[in-house]
Amino acid sequence: MDQSDNLKVFWANVMASYGEPKNITRLEMLVKASKNLGLSEDDLSAALEKYQLEDTTGRVPMPAKLASYVKSKEPSTEELAKKDADDIPMLVRQCGWTDGQSAKEQMSYHAWNFVMAQGGWQHICENLGTEYMPIGVFVSQAYESCKASRLREKTKLHNIEIEARKRLIQNPKADIQALIKG
């Protein structure tokens, strides 16, 4: 069976489970819409389970509605923060304390901000893995910090603040309030 046949069987079963009469035109429309949205039978099955927990209409959901329940292909904030946190020890091993610029270029803005807040690249290279800075604790702290930073970045107000800080870094003598205002 090809994808089209799998989708037909899926939607025929969904229509039957909702007590909807067999209608070939409607079935074809549901299959076509599912294909156009790039939804597989697996995506639709998982989305239907989530949809049914909230459904109050008792009607067959449209593919576009189910698409909103399909997990986004874009990585989540948590996944990105985990990568940020894992990159730092990896780059300590790869770049060492002498090549902080290369490390900075290979990590995210959020990870680099965490590095700087912890005392800078050289400090981390010298102390990571010691009793003073255990790797597990460090990675956990980096994860939480990067996650919080990424969440703050999503708000427009924070974006304005970041831009103002970047301009302040470029021009340290500027008035911060003037930069925030525009």
N, C-alpha and C. Protein backbone atom coordinates (compact mmCIF):
# COMPACT_ATOMS: atom_id res chain seq x y z
N MET A 1 0.84 -1.19 0.00
CA MET A 1 0.00 0.00 0.00
C MET A 1 0.88 1.25 0.00
N ASP A 2 0.52 2.21 -0.83
CA ASP A 2 1.27 3.46 -0.85
C ASP A 2 0.68 4.44 0.16
N GLN A 3 1.28 5.62 0.25
CA GLN A 3 0.85 6.59 1.24
C GLN A 3 -0.61 6.99 1.04
N SER A 4 -1.01 7.15 -0.20
CA SER A 4 -2.39 7.55 -0.49
C SER A 4 -3.38 6.51 0.01
N ASP A 5 -3.04 5.25 -0.19
CA ASP A 5 -3.93 4.17 0.28
C ASP A 5 -3.98 4.13 1.81
N ASN A 6 -2.83 4.32 2.43
CA ASN A 6 -2.78 4.34 3.90
C ASN A 6 -3.63 5.48 4.45
N LEU A 7 -3.53 6.65 3.81
CA LEU A 7 -4.34 7.79 4.25
C LEU A 7 -5.83 7.54 4.04
N LYS A 8 -6.18 6.88 2.93
CA LYS A 8 -7.60 6.56 2.69
C LYS A 8 -8.14 5.64 3.78
N VAL A 9 -7.35 4.61 4.11
CA VAL A 9 -7.78 3.68 5.16
C VAL A 9 -7.89 4.42 6.50
N PHE A 10 -6.90 5.26 6.80
CA PHE A 10 -6.92 6.02 8.05
C PHE A 10 -8.19 6.86 8.13
N TRP A 11 -8.43 7.68 7.10
CA TRP A 11 -9.59 8.58 7.14
C TRP A 11 -10.92 7.82 7.09
N ALA A 12 -10.97 6.69 6.38
CA ALA A 12 -12.20 5.89 6.36
C ALA A 12 -12.50 5.37 7.76
N ASN A 13 -11.45 4.93 8.47
CA ASN A 13 -11.64 4.45 9.85
C ASN A 13 -12.05 5.58 10.79
N VAL A 14 -11.46 6.75 10.60
CA VAL A 14 -11.82 7.89 11.45
C VAL A 14 -13.28 8.26 11.20
N MET A 15 -13.67 8.34 9.93
CA MET A 15 -15.06 8.68 9.60
C MET A 15 -16.02 7.67 10.21
N ALA A 16 -15.66 6.39 10.12
CA ALA A 16 -16.53 5.34 10.68
C ALA A 16 -16.61 5.46 12.21
N SER A 17 -15.47 5.76 12.85
CA SER A 17 -15.48 5.85 14.32
C SER A 17 -16.30 7.05 14.81
N TYR A 18 -16.44 8.08 13.98
CA TYR A 18 -17.25 9.23 14.34
C TYR A 18 -18.70 9.07 13.86
N GLY A 19 -18.99 7.92 13.24
CA GLY A 19 -20.36 7.65 12.79
C GLY A 19 -20.75 8.44 11.55
N GLU A 20 -19.78 8.89 10.81
CA GLU A 20 -20.07 9.66 9.60
C GLU A 20 -20.31 8.69 8.44
N PRO A 21 -21.34 8.93 7.63
CA PRO A 21 -21.60 8.03 6.51
C PRO A 21 -20.46 8.06 5.48
N LYS A 22 -20.31 6.93 4.78
CA LYS A 22 -19.25 6.85 3.76
C LYS A 22 -19.55 7.85 2.65
N ASN A 23 -18.59 8.68 2.37
CA ASN A 23 -18.71 9.70 1.34
C ASN A 23 -17.36 9.77 0.64
N ILE A 24 -17.28 9.23 -0.57
CA ILE A 24 -16.03 9.15 -1.31
C ILE A 24 -15.43 10.55 -1.56
N THR A 25 -16.27 11.52 -1.88
CA THR A 25 -15.78 12.87 -2.15
C THR A 25 -15.11 13.45 -0.91
N ARG A 26 -15.76 13.30 0.24
CA ARG A 26 -15.18 13.80 1.49
C ARG A 26 -13.90 13.06 1.82
N LEU A 27 -13.89 11.75 1.62
CA LEU A 27 -12.70 10.95 1.88
C LEU A 27 -11.53 11.43 1.02
N GLU A 28 -11.78 11.65 -0.27
CA GLU A 28 -10.74 12.14 -1.18
C GLU A 28 -10.23 13.52 -0.75
N MET A 29 -11.16 14.37 -0.30
CA MET A 29 -10.78 15.71 0.16
C MET A 29 -9.88 15.62 1.39
N LEU A 30 -10.19 14.75 2.34
CA LEU A 30 -9.37 14.58 3.55
C LEU A 30 -7.98 14.04 3.20
N VAL A 31 -7.92 13.09 2.28
CA VAL A 31 -6.65 12.52 1.85
C VAL A 31 -5.80 13.58 1.15
N LYS A 32 -6.42 14.34 0.25
CA LYS A 32 -5.69 15.37 -0.50
C LYS A 32 -5.16 16.45 0.45
N ALA A 33 -6.00 16.89 1.37
CA ALA A 33 -5.57 17.91 2.33
C ALA A 33 -4.42 17.39 3.20
N SER A 34 -4.49 16.14 3.61
CA SER A 34 -3.43 15.54 4.43
C SER A 34 -2.11 15.52 3.66
N LYS A 35 -2.19 15.14 2.40
CA LYS A 35 -0.98 15.11 1.55
C LYS A 35 -0.41 16.52 1.37
N ASN A 36 -1.29 17.48 1.11
CA ASN A 36 -0.84 18.86 0.90
C ASN A 36 -0.15 19.42 2.15
N LEU A 37 -0.59 18.99 3.32
CA LEU A 37 0.01 19.44 4.57
C LEU A 37 1.25 18.63 4.94
N GLY A 38 1.54 17.59 4.16
CA GLY A 38 2.71 16.75 4.43
C GLY A 38 2.55 15.86 5.64
N LEU A 39 1.30 15.46 5.93
CA LEU A 39 1.03 14.64 7.11
C LEU A 39 1.03 13.16 6.74
N SER A 40 1.77 12.37 7.48
CA SER A 40 1.77 10.92 7.27
C SER A 40 0.67 10.30 8.14
N GLU A 41 0.45 9.02 7.92
CA GLU A 41 -0.54 8.31 8.73
C GLU A 41 -0.12 8.32 10.21
N ASP A 42 1.18 8.16 10.47
CA ASP A 42 1.69 8.18 11.84
C ASP A 42 1.46 9.54 12.49
N ASP A 43 1.74 10.62 11.73
CA ASP A 43 1.52 11.97 12.25
C ASP A 43 0.05 12.15 12.61
N LEU A 44 -0.81 11.72 11.71
CA LEU A 44 -2.25 11.90 11.91
C LEU A 44 -2.76 11.08 13.10
N SER A 45 -2.26 9.86 13.24
CA SER A 45 -2.69 9.00 14.36
C SER A 45 -2.33 9.63 15.71
N ALA A 46 -1.08 10.10 15.80
CA ALA A 46 -0.63 10.73 17.05
C ALA A 46 -1.43 12.00 17.32
N ALA A 47 -1.66 12.79 16.28
CA ALA A 47 -2.41 14.05 16.44
C ALA A 47 -3.86 13.77 16.82
N LEU A 48 -4.45 12.73 16.25
CA LEU A 48 -5.85 12.40 16.54
C LEU A 48 -6.01 12.02 18.02
N GLU A 49 -5.04 11.30 18.55
CA GLU A 49 -5.10 10.94 19.98
C GLU A 49 -5.13 12.19 20.85
N LYS A 50 -4.29 13.16 20.53
CA LYS A 50 -4.25 14.41 21.29
C LYS A 50 -5.54 15.20 21.08
N TYR A 51 -6.01 15.23 19.84
CA TYR A 51 -7.23 15.98 19.50
C TYR A 51 -8.43 15.43 20.27
N GLN A 52 -8.53 14.12 20.37
CA GLN A 52 -9.69 13.50 21.01
C GLN A 52 -9.77 13.81 22.50
N LEU A 53 -8.65 14.16 23.11
CA LEU A 53 -8.66 14.53 24.53
C LEU A 53 -9.37 15.86 24.75
N GLU A 54 -9.38 16.71 23.72
CA GLU A 54 -9.96 18.05 23.83
C GLU A 54 -11.25 18.22 23.04
N ASP A 55 -11.57 17.28 22.17
CA ASP A 55 -12.70 17.43 21.26
C ASP A 55 -14.03 17.47 22.00
N THR A 56 -14.83 18.45 21.65
CA THR A 56 -16.18 18.55 22.23
C THR A 56 -17.24 18.53 21.13
N THR A 57 -16.80 18.53 19.87
CA THR A 57 -17.76 18.61 18.77
C THR A 57 -18.32 17.26 18.36
N GLY A 58 -17.53 16.22 18.49
CA GLY A 58 -17.98 14.90 18.06
C GLY A 58 -17.96 14.75 16.55
N ARG A 59 -17.24 15.63 15.87
CA ARG A 59 -17.15 15.58 14.40
C ARG A 59 -15.75 15.18 13.97
N VAL A 60 -15.66 14.68 12.75
CA VAL A 60 -14.37 14.33 12.17
C VAL A 60 -13.53 15.60 12.05
N PRO A 61 -12.33 15.59 12.62
CA PRO A 61 -11.49 16.80 12.53
C PRO A 61 -10.93 16.98 11.12
N MET A 62 -10.73 18.21 10.74
CA MET A 62 -10.11 18.51 9.46
C MET A 62 -8.60 18.29 9.58
N PRO A 63 -7.94 17.92 8.49
CA PRO A 63 -6.48 17.72 8.54
C PRO A 63 -5.71 18.93 9.06
N ALA A 64 -6.15 20.13 8.72
CA ALA A 64 -5.47 21.33 9.20
C ALA A 64 -5.54 21.43 10.72
N LYS A 65 -6.65 21.02 11.30
CA LYS A 65 -6.79 21.03 12.76
C LYS A 65 -5.81 20.02 13.37
N LEU A 66 -5.73 18.84 12.77
CA LEU A 66 -4.81 17.82 13.29
C LEU A 66 -3.36 18.25 13.10
N ALA A 67 -3.09 19.01 12.05
CA ALA A 67 -1.71 19.47 11.80
C ALA A 67 -1.21 20.31 12.96
N SER A 68 -2.11 21.02 13.62
CA SER A 68 -1.70 21.84 14.75
C SER A 68 -1.26 20.99 15.95
N TYR A 69 -1.62 19.72 15.95
CA TYR A 69 -1.23 18.82 17.04
C TYR A 69 0.04 18.02 16.72
N VAL A 70 0.50 18.13 15.48
CA VAL A 70 1.70 17.40 15.07
C VAL A 70 2.91 18.16 15.60
N LYS A 71 3.84 17.42 16.18
CA LYS A 71 5.04 18.05 16.74
C LYS A 71 5.79 18.78 15.63
N SER A 72 6.16 19.98 15.94
CA SER A 72 6.90 20.81 14.99
C SER A 72 8.25 20.17 14.67
N LYS A 73 8.69 20.32 13.44
CA LYS A 73 9.99 19.81 13.03
C LYS A 73 11.11 20.72 13.55
N GLU A 74 10.74 21.93 13.97
CA GLU A 74 11.71 22.87 14.51
C GLU A 74 12.09 22.43 15.92
N PRO A 75 13.39 22.46 16.26
CA PRO A 75 13.78 22.03 17.60
C PRO A 75 13.17 22.93 18.68
N SER A 76 12.86 22.33 19.80
CA SER A 76 12.26 23.08 20.91
C SER A 76 13.33 23.89 21.63
N THR A 77 12.88 24.80 22.47
CA THR A 77 13.78 25.60 23.29
C THR A 77 14.64 24.69 24.16
N GLU A 78 14.05 23.64 24.69
CA GLU A 78 14.78 22.71 25.55
C GLU A 78 15.87 21.97 24.76
N GLU A 79 15.54 21.55 23.54
CA GLU A 79 16.53 20.85 22.72
C GLU A 79 17.70 21.77 22.36
N LEU A 80 17.38 23.01 22.02
CA LEU A 80 18.43 23.98 21.69
C LEU A 80 19.30 24.29 22.91
N ALA A 81 18.66 24.43 24.08
CA ALA A 81 19.42 24.71 25.30
C ALA A 81 20.32 23.53 25.66
N LYS A 82 19.85 22.32 25.43
CA LYS A 82 20.67 21.13 25.70
C LYS A 82 21.89 21.13 24.80
N LYS A 83 21.70 21.46 23.54
CA LYS A 83 22.83 21.54 22.61
C LYS A 83 23.81 22.63 23.05
N ASP A 84 23.27 23.77 23.43
CA ASP A 84 24.13 24.86 23.93
C ASP A 84 25.00 24.38 25.08
N ALA A 85 24.36 23.73 26.06
CA ALA A 85 25.06 23.29 27.27
C ALA A 85 26.10 22.21 26.94
N ASP A 86 25.76 21.31 26.03
CA ASP A 86 26.69 20.23 25.67
C ASP A 86 27.85 20.74 24.82
N ASP A 87 27.64 21.81 24.08
CA ASP A 87 28.70 22.36 23.22
C ASP A 87 29.87 22.89 24.02
N ILE A 88 29.62 23.45 25.18
CA ILE A 88 30.69 24.12 25.93
C ILE A 88 31.80 23.14 26.32
N PRO A 89 31.50 22.02 27.03
CA PRO A 89 32.60 21.08 27.36
C PRO A 89 33.27 20.49 26.12
N MET A 90 32.47 20.25 25.07
CA MET A 90 33.04 19.71 23.84
C MET A 90 34.06 20.70 23.25
N LEU A 91 33.69 21.98 23.25
CA LEU A 91 34.59 22.98 22.68
C LEU A 91 35.80 23.25 23.59
N VAL A 92 35.65 23.04 24.89
CA VAL A 92 36.81 23.14 25.79
C VAL A 92 37.84 22.10 25.35
N ARG A 93 37.38 20.88 25.07
CA ARG A 93 38.29 19.82 24.63
C ARG A 93 38.87 20.11 23.25
N GLN A 94 38.03 20.59 22.33
CA GLN A 94 38.49 20.82 20.95
C GLN A 94 39.39 22.05 20.82
N CYS A 95 39.02 23.14 21.45
CA CYS A 95 39.72 24.40 21.22
C CYS A 95 40.76 24.73 22.28
N GLY A 96 40.51 24.30 23.49
CA GLY A 96 41.43 24.64 24.58
C GLY A 96 41.36 26.12 24.93
N TRP A 97 42.13 26.49 25.93
CA TRP A 97 42.05 27.87 26.43
C TRP A 97 42.67 28.88 25.48
N THR A 98 43.52 28.41 24.57
CA THR A 98 44.22 29.35 23.67
C THR A 98 43.37 29.80 22.50
N ASP A 99 42.28 29.10 22.22
CA ASP A 99 41.49 29.42 21.02
C ASP A 99 40.05 29.76 21.38
N GLY A 100 39.88 30.70 22.28
CA GLY A 100 38.55 31.13 22.71
C GLY A 100 37.73 31.73 21.59
N GLN A 101 38.39 32.42 20.65
CA GLN A 101 37.66 33.05 19.54
C GLN A 101 37.00 31.98 18.66
N SER A 102 37.71 30.91 18.39
CA SER A 102 37.15 29.81 17.59
C SER A 102 35.97 29.17 18.33
N ALA A 103 36.12 28.99 19.63
CA ALA A 103 35.04 28.41 20.43
C ALA A 103 33.81 29.31 20.39
N LYS A 104 34.04 30.61 20.53
CA LYS A 104 32.94 31.58 20.51
C LYS A 104 32.17 31.49 19.19
N GLU A 105 32.90 31.36 18.09
CA GLU A 105 32.28 31.28 16.77
C GLU A 105 31.48 30.01 16.58
N GLN A 106 31.83 28.95 17.31
CA GLN A 106 31.16 27.66 17.14
C GLN A 106 29.99 27.44 18.10
N MET A 107 29.82 28.34 19.06
CA MET A 107 28.70 28.16 20.00
C MET A 107 27.68 29.27 19.83
N SER A 108 26.52 29.06 20.38
CA SER A 108 25.45 30.05 20.27
C SER A 108 25.73 31.27 21.14
N TYR A 109 25.03 32.31 20.84
CA TYR A 109 25.09 33.55 21.61
C TYR A 109 24.76 33.26 23.08
N HIS A 110 23.79 32.39 23.32
CA HIS A 110 23.33 32.06 24.67
C HIS A 110 24.42 31.32 25.45
N ALA A 111 25.06 30.37 24.78
CA ALA A 111 26.13 29.62 25.43
C ALA A 111 27.31 30.53 25.75
N TRP A 112 27.65 31.42 24.82
CA TRP A 112 28.78 32.33 25.07
C TRP A 112 28.48 33.27 26.23
N ASN A 113 27.25 33.75 26.31
CA ASN A 113 26.88 34.61 27.44
C ASN A 113 27.04 33.86 28.76
N PHE A 114 26.69 32.58 28.77
CA PHE A 114 26.87 31.79 29.99
C PHE A 114 28.35 31.65 30.32
N VAL A 115 29.17 31.40 29.31
CA VAL A 115 30.61 31.29 29.50
C VAL A 115 31.14 32.57 30.14
N MET A 116 30.74 33.71 29.61
CA MET A 116 31.24 34.98 30.13
C MET A 116 30.75 35.22 31.56
N ALA A 117 29.53 34.81 31.85
CA ALA A 117 28.99 34.98 33.20
C ALA A 117 29.72 34.09 34.22
N GLN A 118 30.33 33.02 33.74
CA GLN A 118 31.05 32.10 34.63
C GLN A 118 32.52 32.47 34.81
N GLY A 119 32.92 33.58 34.24
CA GLY A 119 34.30 34.02 34.42
C GLY A 119 35.12 34.03 33.15
N GLY A 120 34.52 33.69 32.05
CA GLY A 120 35.23 33.75 30.77
C GLY A 120 35.76 32.40 30.32
N TRP A 121 36.22 32.38 29.09
CA TRP A 121 36.66 31.14 28.46
C TRP A 121 37.85 30.51 29.18
N GLN A 122 38.86 31.29 29.46
CA GLN A 122 40.05 30.74 30.10
C GLN A 122 39.72 30.15 31.48
N HIS A 123 38.88 30.84 32.23
CA HIS A 123 38.49 30.36 33.56
C HIS A 123 37.79 29.00 33.46
N ILE A 124 36.91 28.86 32.50
CA ILE A 124 36.19 27.59 32.33
C ILE A 124 37.17 26.50 31.90
N CYS A 125 38.06 26.82 30.96
CA CYS A 125 39.03 25.82 30.50
C CYS A 125 39.92 25.34 31.65
N GLU A 126 40.30 26.23 32.52
CA GLU A 126 41.18 25.87 33.63
C GLU A 126 40.46 25.08 34.72
N ASN A 127 39.15 25.31 34.89
CA ASN A 127 38.46 24.74 36.05
C ASN A 127 37.41 23.68 35.74
N LEU A 128 36.99 23.55 34.50
CA LEU A 128 35.95 22.57 34.17
C LEU A 128 36.46 21.16 34.44
N GLY A 129 35.69 20.41 35.20
CA GLY A 129 36.06 19.04 35.54
C GLY A 129 36.80 18.92 36.86
N THR A 130 37.05 20.05 37.50
CA THR A 130 37.71 20.00 38.80
C THR A 130 36.65 19.95 39.89
N GLU A 131 37.10 19.82 41.11
CA GLU A 131 36.19 19.82 42.26
C GLU A 131 35.44 21.16 42.33
N TYR A 132 36.10 22.20 41.92
CA TYR A 132 35.53 23.55 41.93
C TYR A 132 34.40 23.69 40.90
N MET A 133 34.53 22.98 39.77
CA MET A 133 33.55 23.10 38.69
C MET A 133 33.28 21.73 38.06
N PRO A 134 32.50 20.86 38.75
CA PRO A 134 32.20 19.53 38.20
C PRO A 134 31.43 19.65 36.87
N ILE A 135 31.76 18.79 35.93
CA ILE A 135 31.16 18.88 34.60
C ILE A 135 29.63 18.73 34.66
N GLY A 136 29.13 17.77 35.42
CA GLY A 136 27.68 17.55 35.48
C GLY A 136 26.93 18.77 35.99
N VAL A 137 27.44 19.36 37.03
CA VAL A 137 26.82 20.56 37.61
C VAL A 137 26.90 21.71 36.61
N PHE A 138 28.08 21.85 36.00
CA PHE A 138 28.29 22.93 35.03
C PHE A 138 27.31 22.81 33.86
N VAL A 139 27.17 21.61 33.30
CA VAL A 139 26.27 21.40 32.16
C VAL A 139 24.83 21.68 32.57
N SER A 140 24.43 21.26 33.77
CA SER A 140 23.07 21.53 34.24
C SER A 140 22.81 23.03 34.37
N GLN A 141 23.78 23.73 34.92
CA GLN A 141 23.63 25.18 35.05
C GLN A 141 23.61 25.85 33.69
N ALA A 142 24.45 25.39 32.78
CA ALA A 142 24.48 25.95 31.43
C ALA A 142 23.15 25.72 30.73
N TYR A 143 22.59 24.52 30.89
CA TYR A 143 21.30 24.21 30.29
C TYR A 143 20.22 25.16 30.78
N GLU A 144 20.12 25.30 32.10
CA GLU A 144 19.08 26.17 32.67
C GLU A 144 19.27 27.62 32.24
N SER A 145 20.50 28.08 32.23
CA SER A 145 20.78 29.46 31.83
C SER A 145 20.46 29.68 30.36
N CYS A 146 20.88 28.77 29.51
CA CYS A 146 20.63 28.91 28.06
C CYS A 146 19.14 28.79 27.76
N LYS A 147 18.46 27.92 28.45
CA LYS A 147 17.02 27.77 28.27
C LYS A 147 16.30 29.06 28.65
N ALA A 148 16.65 29.62 29.79
CA ALA A 148 16.04 30.88 30.22
C ALA A 148 16.35 32.01 29.25
N SER A 149 17.57 32.05 28.76
CA SER A 149 17.97 33.08 27.81
C SER A 149 17.18 32.95 26.51
N ARG A 150 17.01 31.72 26.04
CA ARG A 150 16.25 31.50 24.80
C ARG A 150 14.77 31.86 24.99
N LEU A 151 14.22 31.56 26.15
CA LEU A 151 12.82 31.91 26.41
C LEU A 151 12.64 33.43 26.48
N ARG A 152 13.58 34.11 27.13
CA ARG A 152 13.51 35.57 27.18
C ARG A 152 13.63 36.19 25.79
N GLU A 153 14.43 35.56 24.96
CA GLU A 153 14.66 36.09 23.61
C GLU A 153 13.37 36.11 22.79
N LYS A 154 12.45 35.25 23.15
CA LYS A 154 11.20 35.17 22.39
C LYS A 154 10.30 36.40 22.59
N THR A 155 10.55 37.15 23.60
CA THR A 155 9.70 38.32 23.84
C THR A 155 10.29 39.54 23.15
N LYS A 156 9.44 40.36 22.62
CA LYS A 156 9.90 41.56 21.91
C LYS A 156 10.64 42.52 22.83
N LEU A 157 10.18 42.65 24.04
CA LEU A 157 10.82 43.57 24.97
C LEU A 157 12.27 43.17 25.18
N HIS A 158 12.50 41.89 25.33
CA HIS A 158 13.87 41.43 25.53
C HIS A 158 14.71 41.67 24.28
N ASN A 159 14.11 41.50 23.11
CA ASN A 159 14.85 41.76 21.87
C ASN A 159 15.31 43.20 21.81
N ILE A 160 14.48 44.12 22.25
CA ILE A 160 14.86 45.53 22.27
C ILE A 160 16.02 45.73 23.24
N GLU A 161 15.94 45.08 24.39
CA GLU A 161 17.00 45.19 25.39
C GLU A 161 18.32 44.63 24.86
N ILE A 162 18.27 43.51 24.16
CA ILE A 162 19.49 42.91 23.59
C ILE A 162 20.12 43.86 22.57
N GLU A 163 19.28 44.41 21.71
CA GLU A 163 19.81 45.35 20.71
C GLU A 163 20.45 46.56 21.39
N ALA A 164 19.82 47.07 22.44
CA ALA A 164 20.39 48.22 23.16
C ALA A 164 21.73 47.85 23.79
N ARG A 165 21.82 46.65 24.36
CA ARG A 165 23.08 46.21 24.96
C ARG A 165 24.17 46.04 23.91
N LYS A 166 23.80 45.50 22.75
CA LYS A 166 24.78 45.35 21.67
C LYS A 166 25.30 46.72 21.24
N ARG A 167 24.38 47.69 21.13
CA ARG A 167 24.80 49.05 20.75
C ARG A 167 25.66 49.67 21.85
N LEU A 168 25.35 49.36 23.10
CA LEU A 168 26.14 49.88 24.22
C LEU A 168 27.55 49.29 24.19
N ILE A 169 27.65 48.01 23.84
CA ILE A 169 28.96 47.37 23.74
C ILE A 169 29.78 48.04 22.62
N GLN A 170 29.11 48.35 21.52
CA GLN A 170 29.79 49.00 20.41
C GLN A 170 30.17 50.44 20.76
N ASN A 171 29.34 51.09 21.58
CA ASN A 171 29.58 52.48 21.96
C ASN A 171 29.40 52.62 23.48
N PRO A 172 30.43 52.28 24.26
CA PRO A 172 30.30 52.25 25.72
C PRO A 172 29.95 53.59 26.35
N LYS A 173 30.18 54.69 25.67
CA LYS A 173 29.91 56.00 26.25
C LYS A 173 28.46 56.43 26.06
N ALA A 174 27.68 55.64 25.31
CA ALA A 174 26.29 56.00 25.05
C ALA A 174 25.44 55.83 26.30
N ASP A 175 24.37 56.59 26.37
CA ASP A 175 23.43 56.51 27.48
C ASP A 175 22.49 55.32 27.23
N ILE A 176 22.41 54.39 28.16
CA ILE A 176 21.58 53.19 27.99
C ILE A 176 20.11 53.54 27.77
N GLN A 177 19.59 54.53 28.46
CA GLN A 177 18.17 54.89 28.30
C GLN A 177 17.90 55.41 26.89
N ALA A 178 18.84 56.18 26.35
CA ALA A 178 18.67 56.68 24.99
C ALA A 178 18.69 55.54 24.00
N LEU A 179 19.50 54.51 24.24
CA LEU A 179 19.57 53.36 23.34
C LEU A 179 18.28 52.56 23.39
N ILE A 180 17.70 52.40 24.57
CA ILE A 180 16.47 51.65 24.70
C ILE A 180 15.31 52.37 24.00
N LYS A 181 15.27 53.67 24.12
CA LYS A 181 14.20 54.44 23.49
C LYS A 181 14.31 54.48 21.98
N GLY A 182 15.45 54.20 21.47
CA GLY A 182 15.47 54.17 20.04
C GLY A 182 16.68 54.61 19.39
